[in-house]
Amino acid sequence: MNPLLTLWKFSRPHTIIGSVIGILTLYFIVCEYQTLQCVSYLVMALSIGISCNVFIVGINQIADVDIDRINKPNLPIPAGALNVRQAWGIVRIALLLSLAMALYVSPYLFGIIALSATIGWAYSMPPLYLKRHHFTAALCITTVRGVLLNAGGFLVFNYLVNGSMEMPQNVKILTLFIIAFSIVISWFKDLADIEGDSRYNIKTFAIQYSPKAALIAGHLVVGLAYLFTIFLKAVDFFAAQSPSIETIILLSGHCILFVLFIINAFTIRLGDHRSTEKFYKRFWWFFFAEYVLYLLAYIVKY
């Protein structure tokens, strides 16, 4: 089991889980009543999403071996469970698989995956090394996770299944939320990594402006995303004589998540590395919950 466990850790499980939940949610929105007929598309989308994800996070670990020896010594490469040559083998296979499967599905999907992989490379590798500054780092993460994979992936599969390039209001709202969340992921992921980042001159938001400023700014951005979604769903709720179950779930669910999000904001103890790491892990649970909420709304709807 050790090789499988090493591969699992190398894939950065929280990012894999986020991709899987996101793909499942968009699958149910696209396929509606045709969920069983679209299983082949789901399998392909999951395979492409996971393999592309492994390439992007793998390249980052290969590029950041020295930094990770300080910030994340338990990752497979700095821990000695995986060497750089083996890591290169994994990311090359992952890239080839994702590109080949995407091309099989659609040339447009191939373009999305190729662009996502290119941005992932530019984020981690010289000469661009876009993660070096918090603005370009946020732009990379937001473009890939929020725009290309969420909006672009939806449009491709919606066209393949339904022959439509229309994006429903809920997908637009979800995409905007994921964009906001992705920006804040790029800020919060560095809160526990200040020691290594500062030593290697990585100009993260937390280093440039202070961890407290990053924390406040991040909560404001995601908090506004929650309030924006709640407002739109409240308008739908009060405008309808008989609100749909979908609207009720999305409105009440976002209200609950917003309250929990505010409570979670007060759990972090800045300066305590372990507390910061736990806070960041909990932050990803809100990312998962956003997709799960839409998934639940569409499952109950049908």
C-alpha atoms as a PDB file:
ATOM      1  CA  MET A   1       0.000   0.000   0.000  1.00  0.00           C
ATOM      2  CA  ASN A   2       2.958   2.385   0.455  1.00  0.00           C
ATOM      3  CA  PRO A   3       3.260   3.346  -3.250  1.00  0.00           C
ATOM      4  CA  LEU A   4      -0.477   4.052  -3.420  1.00  0.00           C
ATOM      5  CA  LEU A   5      -0.368   6.097  -0.232  1.00  0.00           C
ATOM      6  CA  THR A   6       2.628   8.047  -1.550  1.00  0.00           C
ATOM      7  CA  LEU A   7       0.818   8.744  -4.838  1.00  0.00           C
ATOM      8  CA  TRP A   8      -2.260   9.849  -2.889  1.00  0.00           C
ATOM      9  CA  LYS A   9      -0.222  12.305  -0.814  1.00  0.00           C
ATOM     10  CA  PHE A  10       1.623  13.526  -3.910  1.00  0.00           C
ATOM     11  CA  SER A  11      -1.721  14.289  -5.582  1.00  0.00           C
ATOM     12  CA  ARG A  12      -2.610  16.716  -2.739  1.00  0.00           C
ATOM     13  CA  PRO A  13      -5.908  15.031  -1.757  1.00  0.00           C
ATOM     14  CA  HIS A  14      -7.843  18.202  -0.883  1.00  0.00           C
ATOM     15  CA  THR A  15      -7.405  19.482  -4.454  1.00  0.00           C
ATOM     16  CA  ILE A  16      -8.452  16.111  -5.904  1.00  0.00           C
ATOM     17  CA  ILE A  17     -11.556  16.016  -3.704  1.00  0.00           C
ATOM     18  CA  GLY A  18     -12.426  19.558  -4.762  1.00  0.00           C
ATOM     19  CA  SER A  19     -12.101  18.646  -8.442  1.00  0.00           C
ATOM     20  CA  VAL A  20     -14.182  15.477  -8.076  1.00  0.00           C
ATOM     21  CA  ILE A  21     -17.004  17.207  -6.196  1.00  0.00           C
ATOM     22  CA  GLY A  22     -16.987  20.072  -8.694  1.00  0.00           C
ATOM     23  CA  ILE A  23     -17.183  17.722 -11.686  1.00  0.00           C
ATOM     24  CA  LEU A  24     -20.000  15.687 -10.103  1.00  0.00           C
ATOM     25  CA  THR A  25     -21.999  18.846  -9.441  1.00  0.00           C
ATOM     26  CA  LEU A  26     -21.602  20.220 -12.953  1.00  0.00           C
ATOM     27  CA  TYR A  27     -22.403  16.751 -14.343  1.00  0.00           C
ATOM     28  CA  PHE A  28     -25.820  16.719 -12.646  1.00  0.00           C
ATOM     29  CA  ILE A  29     -26.544  20.260 -13.819  1.00  0.00           C
ATOM     30  CA  VAL A  30     -25.613  19.433 -17.426  1.00  0.00           C
ATOM     31  CA  CYS A  31     -27.282  16.043 -17.675  1.00  0.00           C
ATOM     32  CA  GLU A  32     -30.465  16.714 -15.684  1.00  0.00           C
ATOM     33  CA  TYR A  33     -32.773  13.792 -16.562  1.00  0.00           C
ATOM     34  CA  GLN A  34     -30.099  12.030 -18.639  1.00  0.00           C
ATOM     35  CA  THR A  35     -27.756  11.195 -15.773  1.00  0.00           C
ATOM     36  CA  LEU A  36     -27.497   7.478 -16.582  1.00  0.00           C
ATOM     37  CA  GLN A  37     -27.015   8.106 -20.318  1.00  0.00           C
ATOM     38  CA  CYS A  38     -24.125  10.507 -19.568  1.00  0.00           C
ATOM     39  CA  VAL A  39     -22.104   8.185 -17.321  1.00  0.00           C
ATOM     40  CA  SER A  40     -19.388   7.811 -19.969  1.00  0.00           C
ATOM     41  CA  TYR A  41     -18.947  11.597 -20.023  1.00  0.00           C
ATOM     42  CA  LEU A  42     -18.742  11.621 -16.219  1.00  0.00           C
ATOM     43  CA  VAL A  43     -16.026   8.957 -16.208  1.00  0.00           C
ATOM     44  CA  MET A  44     -14.028  10.847 -18.828  1.00  0.00           C
ATOM     45  CA  ALA A  45     -14.462  14.192 -17.057  1.00  0.00           C
ATOM     46  CA  LEU A  46     -13.343  12.730 -13.726  1.00  0.00           C
ATOM     47  CA  SER A  47     -10.335  11.019 -15.316  1.00  0.00           C
ATOM     48  CA  ILE A  48      -9.294  14.194 -17.136  1.00  0.00           C
ATOM     49  CA  GLY A  49      -9.846  16.407 -14.102  1.00  0.00           C
ATOM     50  CA  ILE A  50      -7.905  14.168 -11.723  1.00  0.00           C
ATOM     51  CA  SER A  51      -4.958  13.601 -14.069  1.00  0.00           C
ATOM     52  CA  CYS A  52      -4.676  17.313 -14.914  1.00  0.00           C
ATOM     53  CA  ASN A  53      -4.856  18.085 -11.193  1.00  0.00           C
ATOM     54  CA  VAL A  54      -2.022  15.626 -10.478  1.00  0.00           C
ATOM     55  CA  PHE A  55       0.118  17.253 -13.174  1.00  0.00           C
ATOM     56  CA  ILE A  56      -0.379  20.776 -11.796  1.00  0.00           C
ATOM     57  CA  VAL A  57       0.212  19.965  -8.120  1.00  0.00           C
ATOM     58  CA  GLY A  58       3.041  17.573  -9.032  1.00  0.00           C
ATOM     59  CA  ILE A  59       4.919  20.194 -11.048  1.00  0.00           C
ATOM     60  CA  ASN A  60       4.576  22.551  -8.112  1.00  0.00           C
ATOM     61  CA  GLN A  61       6.145  20.028  -5.722  1.00  0.00           C
ATOM     62  CA  ILE A  62       9.011  19.307  -8.115  1.00  0.00           C
ATOM     63  CA  ALA A  63       9.746  23.030  -8.415  1.00  0.00           C
ATOM     64  CA  ASP A  64       9.438  23.686  -4.667  1.00  0.00           C
ATOM     65  CA  VAL A  65      11.482  20.853  -3.162  1.00  0.00           C
ATOM     66  CA  ASP A  66      13.768  23.199  -1.226  1.00  0.00           C
ATOM     67  CA  ILE A  67      10.889  25.386  -0.006  1.00  0.00           C
ATOM     68  CA  ASP A  68       8.826  22.335   0.974  1.00  0.00           C
ATOM     69  CA  ARG A  69      11.688  21.021   3.118  1.00  0.00           C
ATOM     70  CA  ILE A  70      10.888  24.010   5.329  1.00  0.00           C
ATOM     71  CA  ASN A  71       7.144  24.521   4.806  1.00  0.00           C
ATOM     72  CA  LYS A  72       5.825  21.009   4.106  1.00  0.00           C
ATOM     73  CA  PRO A  73       8.448  18.419   5.141  1.00  0.00           C
ATOM     74  CA  ASN A  74       5.820  15.652   5.210  1.00  0.00           C
ATOM     75  CA  LEU A  75       5.175  15.799   1.462  1.00  0.00           C
ATOM     76  CA  PRO A  76       6.508  12.717  -0.412  1.00  0.00           C
ATOM     77  CA  ILE A  77       9.572  14.335  -2.025  1.00  0.00           C
ATOM     78  CA  PRO A  78      11.046  16.175   0.996  1.00  0.00           C
ATOM     79  CA  ALA A  79      10.079  13.210   3.202  1.00  0.00           C
ATOM     80  CA  GLY A  80      12.107  10.875   0.955  1.00  0.00           C
ATOM     81  CA  ALA A  81       9.156   8.655  -0.025  1.00  0.00           C
ATOM     82  CA  LEU A  82       9.447   9.813  -3.651  1.00  0.00           C
ATOM     83  CA  ASN A  83      12.426  11.099  -5.596  1.00  0.00           C
ATOM     84  CA  VAL A  84      12.339  13.847  -8.213  1.00  0.00           C
ATOM     85  CA  ARG A  85      12.856  11.427 -11.105  1.00  0.00           C
ATOM     86  CA  GLN A  86       9.838   9.363 -10.026  1.00  0.00           C
ATOM     87  CA  ALA A  87       7.814  12.554  -9.589  1.00  0.00           C
ATOM     88  CA  TRP A  88       8.671  13.617 -13.144  1.00  0.00           C
ATOM     89  CA  GLY A  89       7.450  10.242 -14.380  1.00  0.00           C
ATOM     90  CA  ILE A  90       4.121  10.675 -12.594  1.00  0.00           C
ATOM     91  CA  VAL A  91       3.456  14.197 -13.876  1.00  0.00           C
ATOM     92  CA  ARG A  92       4.393  13.298 -17.457  1.00  0.00           C
ATOM     93  CA  ILE A  93       1.996  10.348 -17.459  1.00  0.00           C
ATOM     94  CA  ALA A  94      -0.719  12.491 -15.862  1.00  0.00           C
ATOM     95  CA  LEU A  95      -0.278  15.211 -18.493  1.00  0.00           C
ATOM     96  CA  LEU A  96      -0.351  12.768 -21.418  1.00  0.00           C
ATOM     97  CA  LEU A  97      -3.452  11.029 -20.047  1.00  0.00           C
ATOM     98  CA  SER A  98      -5.338  14.271 -19.482  1.00  0.00           C
ATOM     99  CA  LEU A  99      -4.481  15.673 -22.924  1.00  0.00           C
ATOM    100  CA  ALA A 100      -5.213  12.425 -24.763  1.00  0.00           C
ATOM    101  CA  MET A 101      -8.588  11.915 -23.084  1.00  0.00           C
ATOM    102  CA  ALA A 102      -9.535  15.571 -23.535  1.00  0.00           C
ATOM    103  CA  LEU A 103      -8.725  15.390 -27.259  1.00  0.00           C
ATOM    104  CA  TYR A 104     -10.850  12.233 -27.531  1.00  0.00           C
ATOM    105  CA  VAL A 105     -13.817  14.049 -25.972  1.00  0.00           C
ATOM    106  CA  SER A 106     -13.528  17.389 -27.789  1.00  0.00           C
ATOM    107  CA  PRO A 107     -10.862  19.631 -29.350  1.00  0.00           C
ATOM    108  CA  TYR A 108     -12.292  22.478 -27.256  1.00  0.00           C
ATOM    109  CA  LEU A 109     -11.800  20.473 -24.067  1.00  0.00           C
ATOM    110  CA  PHE A 110      -8.266  19.692 -25.237  1.00  0.00           C
ATOM    111  CA  GLY A 111      -7.652  23.439 -25.546  1.00  0.00           C
ATOM    112  CA  ILE A 112      -8.967  24.041 -22.012  1.00  0.00           C
ATOM    113  CA  ILE A 113      -6.800  21.300 -20.501  1.00  0.00           C
ATOM    114  CA  ALA A 114      -3.729  22.342 -22.505  1.00  0.00           C
ATOM    115  CA  LEU A 115      -4.146  25.945 -21.375  1.00  0.00           C
ATOM    116  CA  SER A 116      -4.719  24.851 -17.762  1.00  0.00           C
ATOM    117  CA  ALA A 117      -1.555  22.720 -17.843  1.00  0.00           C
ATOM    118  CA  THR A 118       0.423  25.568 -19.404  1.00  0.00           C
ATOM    119  CA  ILE A 119      -0.711  27.970 -16.674  1.00  0.00           C
ATOM    120  CA  GLY A 120       0.115  25.335 -14.059  1.00  0.00           C
ATOM    121  CA  TRP A 121       3.612  25.054 -15.524  1.00  0.00           C
ATOM    122  CA  ALA A 122       4.083  28.831 -15.659  1.00  0.00           C
ATOM    123  CA  TYR A 123       2.866  29.095 -12.055  1.00  0.00           C
ATOM    124  CA  SER A 124       5.550  26.759 -10.711  1.00  0.00           C
ATOM    125  CA  MET A 125       8.448  26.714 -13.150  1.00  0.00           C
ATOM    126  CA  PRO A 126      11.080  29.215 -14.292  1.00  0.00           C
ATOM    127  CA  PRO A 127      11.464  31.455 -16.114  1.00  0.00           C
ATOM    128  CA  LEU A 128       7.967  32.788 -15.380  1.00  0.00           C
ATOM    129  CA  TYR A 129       7.505  31.267 -11.895  1.00  0.00           C
ATOM    130  CA  LEU A 130       4.248  33.184 -11.473  1.00  0.00           C
ATOM    131  CA  LYS A 131       3.740  31.997  -7.913  1.00  0.00           C
ATOM    132  CA  ARG A 132       6.566  34.314  -6.877  1.00  0.00           C
ATOM    133  CA  HIS A 133       4.103  37.228  -6.573  1.00  0.00           C
ATOM    134  CA  HIS A 134       0.684  37.010  -4.917  1.00  0.00           C
ATOM    135  CA  PHE A 135      -1.118  38.833  -7.761  1.00  0.00           C
ATOM    136  CA  THR A 136       0.027  36.504 -10.551  1.00  0.00           C
ATOM    137  CA  ALA A 137      -0.386  33.482  -8.253  1.00  0.00           C
ATOM    138  CA  ALA A 138      -4.020  34.419  -7.574  1.00  0.00           C
ATOM    139  CA  LEU A 139      -4.590  35.070 -11.271  1.00  0.00           C
ATOM    140  CA  CYS A 140      -3.295  31.590 -12.194  1.00  0.00           C
ATOM    141  CA  ILE A 141      -5.360  29.704  -9.595  1.00  0.00           C
ATOM    142  CA  THR A 142      -8.503  31.708 -10.386  1.00  0.00           C
ATOM    143  CA  THR A 143      -8.150  31.287 -14.148  1.00  0.00           C
ATOM    144  CA  VAL A 144      -7.659  27.525 -13.967  1.00  0.00           C
ATOM    145  CA  ARG A 145     -10.065  26.506 -11.209  1.00  0.00           C
ATOM    146  CA  GLY A 146     -12.693  29.214 -11.580  1.00  0.00           C
ATOM    147  CA  VAL A 147     -12.814  30.061 -15.287  1.00  0.00           C
ATOM    148  CA  LEU A 148     -11.326  27.244 -17.387  1.00  0.00           C
ATOM    149  CA  LEU A 149     -12.396  24.146 -15.447  1.00  0.00           C
ATOM    150  CA  ASN A 150     -15.651  25.416 -13.961  1.00  0.00           C
ATOM    151  CA  ALA A 151     -17.111  27.643 -16.693  1.00  0.00           C
ATOM    152  CA  GLY A 152     -15.177  26.233 -19.660  1.00  0.00           C
ATOM    153  CA  GLY A 153     -15.720  22.609 -18.684  1.00  0.00           C
ATOM    154  CA  PHE A 154     -19.439  23.212 -18.172  1.00  0.00           C
ATOM    155  CA  LEU A 155     -19.856  24.873 -21.583  1.00  0.00           C
ATOM    156  CA  VAL A 156     -18.041  22.057 -23.403  1.00  0.00           C
ATOM    157  CA  PHE A 157     -20.086  19.269 -21.823  1.00  0.00           C
ATOM    158  CA  ASN A 158     -23.335  21.224 -22.032  1.00  0.00           C
ATOM    159  CA  TYR A 159     -22.745  21.553 -25.779  1.00  0.00           C
ATOM    160  CA  LEU A 160     -21.866  17.865 -26.160  1.00  0.00           C
ATOM    161  CA  VAL A 161     -24.899  16.665 -24.176  1.00  0.00           C
ATOM    162  CA  ASN A 162     -27.548  19.313 -24.865  1.00  0.00           C
ATOM    163  CA  GLY A 163     -26.244  21.101 -27.965  1.00  0.00           C
ATOM    164  CA  SER A 164     -26.362  24.375 -26.040  1.00  0.00           C
ATOM    165  CA  MET A 165     -23.781  27.002 -25.115  1.00  0.00           C
ATOM    166  CA  GLU A 166     -26.151  28.592 -22.612  1.00  0.00           C
ATOM    167  CA  MET A 167     -24.972  28.909 -19.020  1.00  0.00           C
ATOM    168  CA  PRO A 168     -27.800  28.765 -16.426  1.00  0.00           C
ATOM    169  CA  GLN A 169     -27.959  31.480 -13.777  1.00  0.00           C
ATOM    170  CA  ASN A 170     -26.976  29.056 -11.032  1.00  0.00           C
ATOM    171  CA  VAL A 171     -23.797  28.064 -12.892  1.00  0.00           C
ATOM    172  CA  LYS A 172     -22.920  31.742 -13.388  1.00  0.00           C
ATOM    173  CA  ILE A 173     -23.404  32.396  -9.652  1.00  0.00           C
ATOM    174  CA  LEU A 174     -21.429  29.272  -8.743  1.00  0.00           C
ATOM    175  CA  THR A 175     -18.594  30.265 -11.092  1.00  0.00           C
ATOM    176  CA  LEU A 176     -18.362  33.753  -9.588  1.00  0.00           C
ATOM    177  CA  PHE A 177     -18.291  32.213  -6.120  1.00  0.00           C
ATOM    178  CA  ILE A 178     -15.519  29.782  -7.100  1.00  0.00           C
ATOM    179  CA  ILE A 179     -13.534  32.646  -8.624  1.00  0.00           C
ATOM    180  CA  ALA A 180     -13.774  34.566  -5.344  1.00  0.00           C
ATOM    181  CA  PHE A 181     -12.888  31.448  -3.364  1.00  0.00           C
ATOM    182  CA  SER A 182      -9.914  30.689  -5.636  1.00  0.00           C
ATOM    183  CA  ILE A 183      -8.485  34.160  -5.067  1.00  0.00           C
ATOM    184  CA  VAL A 184      -8.650  33.630  -1.312  1.00  0.00           C
ATOM    185  CA  ILE A 185      -7.195  30.110  -1.568  1.00  0.00           C
ATOM    186  CA  SER A 186      -4.129  31.727  -3.144  1.00  0.00           C
ATOM    187  CA  TRP A 187      -3.863  34.018  -0.088  1.00  0.00           C
ATOM    188  CA  PHE A 188      -4.708  31.568   2.690  1.00  0.00           C
ATOM    189  CA  LYS A 189      -2.540  28.689   1.443  1.00  0.00           C
ATOM    190  CA  ASP A 190       0.555  30.741   2.308  1.00  0.00           C
ATOM    191  CA  LEU A 191      -0.434  31.631   5.880  1.00  0.00           C
ATOM    192  CA  ALA A 192       1.392  28.596   7.290  1.00  0.00           C
ATOM    193  CA  ASP A 193       4.313  28.869   4.839  1.00  0.00           C
ATOM    194  CA  ILE A 194       5.779  32.242   5.719  1.00  0.00           C
ATOM    195  CA  GLU A 195       9.133  30.892   6.913  1.00  0.00           C
ATOM    196  CA  GLY A 196      10.072  29.113   3.682  1.00  0.00           C
ATOM    197  CA  ASP A 197       8.436  31.662   1.384  1.00  0.00           C
ATOM    198  CA  SER A 198      10.289  34.579   2.958  1.00  0.00           C
ATOM    199  CA  ARG A 199      13.607  32.729   2.751  1.00  0.00           C
ATOM    200  CA  TYR A 200      13.149  32.138  -0.987  1.00  0.00           C
ATOM    201  CA  ASN A 201      11.719  35.606  -1.710  1.00  0.00           C
ATOM    202  CA  ILE A 202       8.189  34.482  -2.538  1.00  0.00           C
ATOM    203  CA  LYS A 203       6.102  37.648  -2.318  1.00  0.00           C
ATOM    204  CA  THR A 204       2.882  36.205  -0.955  1.00  0.00           C
ATOM    205  CA  PHE A 205       0.003  38.360   0.254  1.00  0.00           C
ATOM    206  CA  ALA A 206       0.769  37.401   3.855  1.00  0.00           C
ATOM    207  CA  ILE A 207       4.420  38.444   3.527  1.00  0.00           C
ATOM    208  CA  GLN A 208       3.742  41.634   1.574  1.00  0.00           C
ATOM    209  CA  TYR A 209       0.943  42.938   3.810  1.00  0.00           C
ATOM    210  CA  SER A 210       0.981  40.700   6.946  1.00  0.00           C
ATOM    211  CA  PRO A 211      -0.922  37.498   7.801  1.00  0.00           C
ATOM    212  CA  LYS A 212      -3.634  39.514   9.564  1.00  0.00           C
ATOM    213  CA  ALA A 213      -4.247  41.604   6.432  1.00  0.00           C
ATOM    214  CA  ALA A 214      -4.470  38.437   4.311  1.00  0.00           C
ATOM    215  CA  LEU A 215      -6.932  36.936   6.774  1.00  0.00           C
ATOM    216  CA  ILE A 216      -9.163  40.019   6.853  1.00  0.00           C
ATOM    217  CA  ALA A 217      -9.089  40.545   3.077  1.00  0.00           C
ATOM    218  CA  GLY A 218      -9.824  36.877   2.400  1.00  0.00           C
ATOM    219  CA  HIS A 219     -12.819  36.783   4.704  1.00  0.00           C
ATOM    220  CA  LEU A 220     -14.186  39.987   3.201  1.00  0.00           C
ATOM    221  CA  VAL A 221     -13.952  38.579  -0.347  1.00  0.00           C
ATOM    222  CA  VAL A 222     -15.591  35.225   0.463  1.00  0.00           C
ATOM    223  CA  GLY A 223     -18.075  36.858   2.850  1.00  0.00           C
ATOM    224  CA  LEU A 224     -19.223  39.175   0.058  1.00  0.00           C
ATOM    225  CA  ALA A 225     -19.539  36.164  -2.259  1.00  0.00           C
ATOM    226  CA  TYR A 226     -21.845  34.509   0.289  1.00  0.00           C
ATOM    227  CA  LEU A 227     -23.919  37.684   0.724  1.00  0.00           C
ATOM    228  CA  PHE A 228     -24.168  38.161  -3.050  1.00  0.00           C
ATOM    229  CA  THR A 229     -25.451  34.599  -3.494  1.00  0.00           C
ATOM    230  CA  ILE A 230     -27.864  34.904  -0.556  1.00  0.00           C
ATOM    231  CA  PHE A 231     -29.242  38.167  -1.995  1.00  0.00           C
ATOM    232  CA  LEU A 232     -29.875  36.639  -5.427  1.00  0.00           C
ATOM    233  CA  LYS A 233     -31.522  33.541  -3.987  1.00  0.00           C
ATOM    234  CA  ALA A 234     -33.632  35.696  -1.624  1.00  0.00           C
ATOM    235  CA  VAL A 235     -34.863  37.672  -4.650  1.00  0.00           C
ATOM    236  CA  ASP A 236     -35.848  34.391  -6.345  1.00  0.00           C
ATOM    237  CA  PHE A 237     -37.535  33.196  -3.143  1.00  0.00           C
ATOM    238  CA  PHE A 238     -39.693  36.276  -2.572  1.00  0.00           C
ATOM    239  CA  ALA A 239     -40.451  36.815  -6.267  1.00  0.00           C
ATOM    240  CA  ALA A 240     -42.072  33.385  -6.617  1.00  0.00           C
ATOM    241  CA  GLN A 241     -45.528  32.575  -5.281  1.00  0.00           C
ATOM    242  CA  SER A 242     -44.319  29.058  -4.599  1.00  0.00           C
ATOM    243  CA  PRO A 243     -40.497  28.959  -4.360  1.00  0.00           C
ATOM    244  CA  SER A 244     -38.863  25.865  -5.833  1.00  0.00           C
ATOM    245  CA  ILE A 245     -37.125  23.327  -3.602  1.00  0.00           C
ATOM    246  CA  GLU A 246     -33.912  24.233  -5.427  1.00  0.00           C
ATOM    247  CA  THR A 247     -34.226  27.890  -4.360  1.00  0.00           C
ATOM    248  CA  ILE A 248     -35.082  26.934  -0.770  1.00  0.00           C
ATOM    249  CA  ILE A 249     -32.061  24.637  -0.473  1.00  0.00           C
ATOM    250  CA  LEU A 250     -29.658  27.164  -1.993  1.00  0.00           C
ATOM    251  CA  LEU A 251     -30.951  30.079   0.085  1.00  0.00           C
ATOM    252  CA  SER A 252     -31.084  28.268   3.425  1.00  0.00           C
ATOM    253  CA  GLY A 253     -27.858  26.380   2.726  1.00  0.00           C
ATOM    254  CA  HIS A 254     -25.893  29.531   1.976  1.00  0.00           C
ATOM    255  CA  CYS A 255     -27.262  31.237   5.086  1.00  0.00           C
ATOM    256  CA  ILE A 256     -26.072  28.315   7.226  1.00  0.00           C
ATOM    257  CA  LEU A 257     -22.668  28.163   5.519  1.00  0.00           C
ATOM    258  CA  PHE A 258     -22.217  31.918   5.905  1.00  0.00           C
ATOM    259  CA  VAL A 259     -22.811  31.725   9.653  1.00  0.00           C
ATOM    260  CA  LEU A 260     -20.393  28.776   9.977  1.00  0.00           C
ATOM    261  CA  PHE A 261     -17.868  30.655   7.842  1.00  0.00           C
ATOM    262  CA  ILE A 262     -17.977  33.636  10.211  1.00  0.00           C
ATOM    263  CA  ILE A 263     -17.594  31.338  13.242  1.00  0.00           C
ATOM    264  CA  ASN A 264     -14.623  29.598  11.598  1.00  0.00           C
ATOM    265  CA  ALA A 265     -12.925  32.980  11.065  1.00  0.00           C
ATOM    266  CA  PHE A 266     -12.418  33.283  14.827  1.00  0.00           C
ATOM    267  CA  THR A 267     -10.848  29.850  15.274  1.00  0.00           C
ATOM    268  CA  ILE A 268      -7.414  30.664  13.860  1.00  0.00           C
ATOM    269  CA  ARG A 269      -4.549  31.679  16.118  1.00  0.00           C
ATOM    270  CA  LEU A 270      -2.072  33.552  13.958  1.00  0.00           C
ATOM    271  CA  GLY A 271       1.479  32.653  14.888  1.00  0.00           C
ATOM    272  CA  ASP A 272       0.447  29.108  15.795  1.00  0.00           C
ATOM    273  CA  HIS A 273       1.534  26.968  12.833  1.00  0.00           C
ATOM    274  CA  ARG A 274      -0.691  24.021  13.719  1.00  0.00           C
ATOM    275  CA  SER A 275      -3.748  26.241  14.202  1.00  0.00           C
ATOM    276  CA  THR A 276      -3.109  27.908  10.840  1.00  0.00           C
ATOM    277  CA  GLU A 277      -2.833  24.562   9.052  1.00  0.00           C
ATOM    278  CA  LYS A 278      -6.096  23.332  10.608  1.00  0.00           C
ATOM    279  CA  PHE A 279      -7.813  26.575   9.679  1.00  0.00           C
ATOM    280  CA  TYR A 280      -6.740  26.192   6.031  1.00  0.00           C
ATOM    281  CA  LYS A 281      -8.021  22.616   5.927  1.00  0.00           C
ATOM    282  CA  ARG A 282     -11.371  23.765   7.301  1.00  0.00           C
ATOM    283  CA  PHE A 283     -11.432  26.544   4.700  1.00  0.00           C
ATOM    284  CA  TRP A 284     -11.346  23.890   1.973  1.00  0.00           C
ATOM    285  CA  TRP A 285     -14.395  22.250   3.556  1.00  0.00           C
ATOM    286  CA  PHE A 286     -16.362  25.397   2.703  1.00  0.00           C
ATOM    287  CA  PHE A 287     -15.128  25.050  -0.875  1.00  0.00           C
ATOM    288  CA  PHE A 288     -16.409  21.454  -0.940  1.00  0.00           C
ATOM    289  CA  ALA A 289     -19.686  22.483   0.715  1.00  0.00           C
ATOM    290  CA  GLU A 290     -20.421  25.075  -1.977  1.00  0.00           C
ATOM    291  CA  TYR A 291     -20.439  22.439  -4.697  1.00  0.00           C
ATOM    292  CA  VAL A 292     -22.251  19.904  -2.508  1.00  0.00           C
ATOM    293  CA  LEU A 293     -25.012  22.439  -1.857  1.00  0.00           C
ATOM    294  CA  TYR A 294     -25.683  22.849  -5.595  1.00  0.00           C
ATOM    295  CA  LEU A 295     -25.380  19.092  -6.067  1.00  0.00           C
ATOM    296  CA  LEU A 296     -27.996  18.511  -3.364  1.00  0.00           C
ATOM    297  CA  ALA A 297     -30.303  21.162  -4.845  1.00  0.00           C
ATOM    298  CA  TYR A 298     -30.228  19.519  -8.276  1.00  0.00           C
ATOM    299  CA  ILE A 299     -30.539  15.951  -6.983  1.00  0.00           C
ATOM    300  CA  VAL A 300     -33.602  16.842  -4.885  1.00  0.00           C
ATOM    301  CA  LYS A 301     -35.011  18.894  -7.763  1.00  0.00           C
ATOM    302  CA  TYR A 302     -35.179  15.836  -9.979  1.00  0.00           C
END
